[in-house]
Amino acid sequence: MKSSSYRRPRENENAESSPAGVDQQSGQALVETALVLVIVIILLGGLVEFGWAYFRYLALQGAAGEGAAYAMIFPRQWFSDADKPSALWDDCVSPDPDNIVYRVQHESQAAILDWSATDVDIESRFTTPGNPITVTVSFEHQLLTPLVSDWVSDGTITLRASAVQNILVPSSTADNRCGP
């Protein structure tokens, strides 16, 4: 015959396996998971926001490069008549699509950003061969992630890309200047 001995468990010996202990531990795990999940979601939102802003920056960089490449061949075709800042720029006007601003704003057909909201700045002291011409494109990127946008003053960041090329083709006018 087998002898069996029964030992009564001491108090708190099996507290972890008791129903009250299990509930207490699973509640603690739930709170820890909730806290960590909030942090992970904020980090993922920030990563998505950074990726979207970088994707737009690359589009701006490509557009600036397209504008600078067009400008090195056609250094005096900066604006369309509607885009020129003032009458002082009449010698830099060329109809669409044969101007730098049009080429920049229509470089990408994708809806990556609102190309009409971009600012295109063109800078060149002289339009003679060998002189640099700089095309700068800027865009106000609206942040979408709620907590990330709260950390930035007005919820937007300015994305700016530039490209510089040396002018290759001589200008067709004698003064070799564009603008005031």
Protein backbone atom coordinates (compact mmCIF):
# COMPACT_ATOMS: atom_id res chain seq x y z
CA MET A 1 0.00 0.00 0.00
CA LYS A 2 1.03 3.40 -0.72
CA SER A 3 1.20 5.83 1.99
CA SER A 4 0.21 9.32 1.18
CA SER A 5 0.97 12.29 3.16
CA TYR A 6 -0.89 15.48 2.90
CA ARG A 7 0.75 18.69 3.82
CA ARG A 8 -1.31 21.75 4.23
CA PRO A 9 0.11 24.70 2.23
CA ARG A 10 1.41 27.54 4.24
CA GLU A 11 -0.19 30.90 3.98
CA ASN A 12 1.01 32.94 0.89
CA GLU A 13 2.89 29.90 -0.40
CA ASN A 14 0.76 29.66 -3.54
CA ALA A 15 -0.30 33.28 -3.73
CA GLU A 16 0.93 33.69 -7.29
CA SER A 17 -1.17 30.81 -8.55
CA SER A 18 -4.27 31.81 -6.69
CA PRO A 19 -7.06 33.46 -8.64
CA ALA A 20 -6.50 36.80 -6.89
CA GLY A 21 -2.79 36.75 -7.79
CA VAL A 22 -3.50 35.91 -11.42
CA ASP A 23 -5.91 38.80 -11.76
CA GLN A 24 -3.41 41.13 -10.17
CA GLN A 25 -0.61 40.06 -12.53
CA SER A 26 -2.72 40.19 -15.67
CA GLY A 27 -3.93 43.68 -14.69
CA GLN A 28 -0.35 44.80 -14.28
CA ALA A 29 0.57 43.32 -17.66
CA LEU A 30 -2.37 45.11 -19.26
CA VAL A 31 -1.27 48.48 -17.84
CA GLU A 32 2.35 47.91 -18.93
CA THR A 33 1.21 46.92 -22.43
CA ALA A 34 -0.98 50.01 -22.70
CA LEU A 35 1.88 52.30 -21.68
CA VAL A 36 4.36 50.70 -24.05
CA LEU A 37 1.82 50.63 -26.87
CA VAL A 38 1.28 54.39 -26.63
CA ILE A 39 5.02 55.00 -26.89
CA VAL A 40 5.35 52.61 -29.83
CA ILE A 41 2.45 54.27 -31.69
CA ILE A 42 3.99 57.72 -31.18
CA LEU A 43 7.35 56.46 -32.49
CA LEU A 44 5.72 54.80 -35.50
CA GLY A 45 3.75 57.97 -36.23
CA GLY A 46 6.95 60.00 -36.09
CA LEU A 47 8.69 57.56 -38.43
CA VAL A 48 5.83 57.72 -40.93
CA GLU A 49 5.83 61.53 -40.71
CA PHE A 50 9.59 61.68 -41.26
CA GLY A 51 9.31 59.28 -44.21
CA TRP A 52 6.56 61.35 -45.82
CA ALA A 53 8.54 64.59 -45.36
CA TYR A 54 11.71 62.96 -46.76
CA PHE A 55 9.75 61.63 -49.75
CA ARG A 56 8.50 65.15 -50.45
CA TYR A 57 12.02 66.55 -50.01
CA LEU A 58 13.31 64.11 -52.64
CA ALA A 59 10.58 65.29 -55.02
CA LEU A 60 11.66 68.90 -54.40
CA GLN A 61 15.29 67.96 -54.99
CA GLY A 62 14.38 66.36 -58.31
CA ALA A 63 12.36 69.42 -59.32
CA ALA A 64 15.21 71.79 -58.43
CA GLY A 65 17.59 69.63 -60.45
CA GLU A 66 15.21 69.70 -63.43
CA GLY A 67 14.96 73.49 -63.20
CA ALA A 68 18.74 73.92 -62.96
CA ALA A 69 19.32 71.55 -65.90
CA TYR A 70 16.86 73.57 -68.01
CA ALA A 71 18.41 76.84 -66.81
CA MET A 72 21.92 75.88 -67.90
CA ILE A 73 20.69 75.62 -71.51
CA PHE A 74 18.09 78.44 -71.41
CA PRO A 75 19.45 80.88 -68.79
CA ARG A 76 17.08 83.78 -69.57
CA GLN A 77 13.76 81.90 -69.60
CA TRP A 78 12.85 82.20 -65.93
CA PHE A 79 9.12 82.93 -65.73
CA SER A 80 5.90 82.92 -67.66
CA ASP A 81 4.22 86.30 -67.99
CA ALA A 82 1.81 85.39 -65.15
CA ASP A 83 4.60 84.34 -62.76
CA LYS A 84 6.96 87.32 -63.11
CA PRO A 85 7.33 89.43 -59.95
CA SER A 86 7.22 92.82 -61.72
CA ALA A 87 7.78 94.59 -65.03
CA LEU A 88 11.50 94.74 -64.21
CA TRP A 89 11.67 91.07 -65.13
CA ASP A 90 10.27 91.45 -68.67
CA ASP A 91 13.56 90.32 -70.22
CA CYS A 92 13.26 86.97 -68.38
CA VAL A 93 9.76 86.02 -69.57
CA SER A 94 9.05 82.99 -71.73
CA PRO A 95 5.68 81.28 -72.32
CA ASP A 96 4.79 77.93 -70.73
CA PRO A 97 6.25 75.28 -70.96
CA ASP A 98 9.49 76.97 -71.99
CA ASN A 99 10.51 78.51 -68.67
CA ILE A 100 12.28 77.36 -65.51
CA VAL A 101 9.36 77.82 -63.09
CA TYR A 102 7.05 75.73 -65.28
CA ARG A 103 9.68 72.98 -65.58
CA VAL A 104 10.13 72.88 -61.81
CA GLN A 105 6.43 72.81 -61.00
CA HIS A 106 5.65 70.16 -63.61
CA GLU A 107 8.66 67.90 -63.08
CA SER A 108 6.57 65.29 -61.28
CA GLN A 109 3.04 64.43 -62.30
CA ALA A 110 2.46 62.52 -59.06
CA ALA A 111 0.32 63.98 -56.29
CA ILE A 112 3.26 63.99 -53.90
CA LEU A 113 2.64 67.62 -53.05
CA ASP A 114 0.74 70.63 -54.32
CA TRP A 115 3.21 71.97 -56.87
CA SER A 116 1.35 75.27 -57.20
CA ALA A 117 2.14 75.91 -53.51
CA THR A 118 5.89 75.65 -54.06
CA ASP A 119 8.11 78.72 -54.12
CA VAL A 120 10.72 78.74 -56.86
CA ASP A 121 13.68 81.10 -56.49
CA ILE A 122 16.19 81.54 -59.29
CA GLU A 123 19.47 83.30 -58.70
CA SER A 124 22.17 84.24 -61.17
CA ARG A 125 24.22 87.40 -61.39
CA PHE A 126 24.95 87.10 -65.08
CA THR A 127 23.60 84.79 -67.76
CA THR A 128 26.91 84.24 -69.54
CA PRO A 129 28.48 80.80 -69.98
CA GLY A 130 30.42 79.58 -66.98
CA ASN A 131 28.41 81.54 -64.40
CA PRO A 132 26.37 79.54 -61.90
CA ILE A 133 22.60 79.61 -61.83
CA THR A 134 20.84 78.38 -58.68
CA VAL A 135 17.30 77.06 -58.52
CA THR A 136 15.79 76.75 -55.03
CA VAL A 137 12.40 75.14 -54.42
CA SER A 138 10.67 75.40 -51.05
CA PHE A 139 7.42 73.97 -49.69
CA GLU A 140 5.58 74.19 -46.37
CA HIS A 141 5.02 70.59 -45.22
CA GLN A 142 2.02 70.26 -42.90
CA LEU A 143 2.70 67.70 -40.17
CA LEU A 144 -0.07 65.12 -39.79
CA THR A 145 0.92 63.14 -36.71
CA PRO A 146 -0.85 64.79 -33.74
CA LEU A 147 1.87 64.68 -31.09
CA VAL A 148 4.69 65.36 -33.55
CA SER A 149 2.91 68.45 -34.91
CA ASP A 150 2.53 69.77 -31.35
CA TRP A 151 6.32 69.85 -30.95
CA VAL A 152 6.71 72.17 -33.97
CA SER A 153 5.66 75.80 -33.56
CA ASP A 154 2.88 76.05 -36.18
CA GLY A 155 2.62 72.40 -37.25
CA THR A 156 4.56 72.94 -40.47
CA ILE A 157 8.17 72.58 -41.49
CA THR A 158 9.76 74.22 -44.51
CA LEU A 159 11.32 71.79 -46.93
CA ARG A 160 13.91 73.44 -49.18
CA ALA A 161 16.03 71.97 -51.96
CA SER A 162 18.55 73.67 -54.24
CA ALA A 163 20.45 72.78 -57.36
CA VAL A 164 23.28 74.69 -59.03
CA GLN A 165 24.44 74.39 -62.63
CA ASN A 166 26.90 76.38 -64.68
CA ILE A 167 25.38 78.10 -67.69
CA LEU A 168 26.45 76.43 -70.93
CA VAL A 169 24.77 78.38 -73.71
CA PRO A 170 25.40 82.09 -74.36
CA SER A 171 22.48 84.42 -73.82
CA SER A 172 20.80 85.93 -76.88
CA THR A 173 20.80 89.49 -75.46
CA ALA A 174 23.68 91.88 -75.06
CA ASP A 175 23.28 92.87 -71.40
CA ASN A 176 23.59 89.30 -70.01
CA ARG A 177 21.46 90.18 -66.98
CA CYS A 178 18.08 88.89 -66.00
CA GLY A 179 15.92 91.00 -63.71
CA PRO A 180 16.53 94.25 -61.87
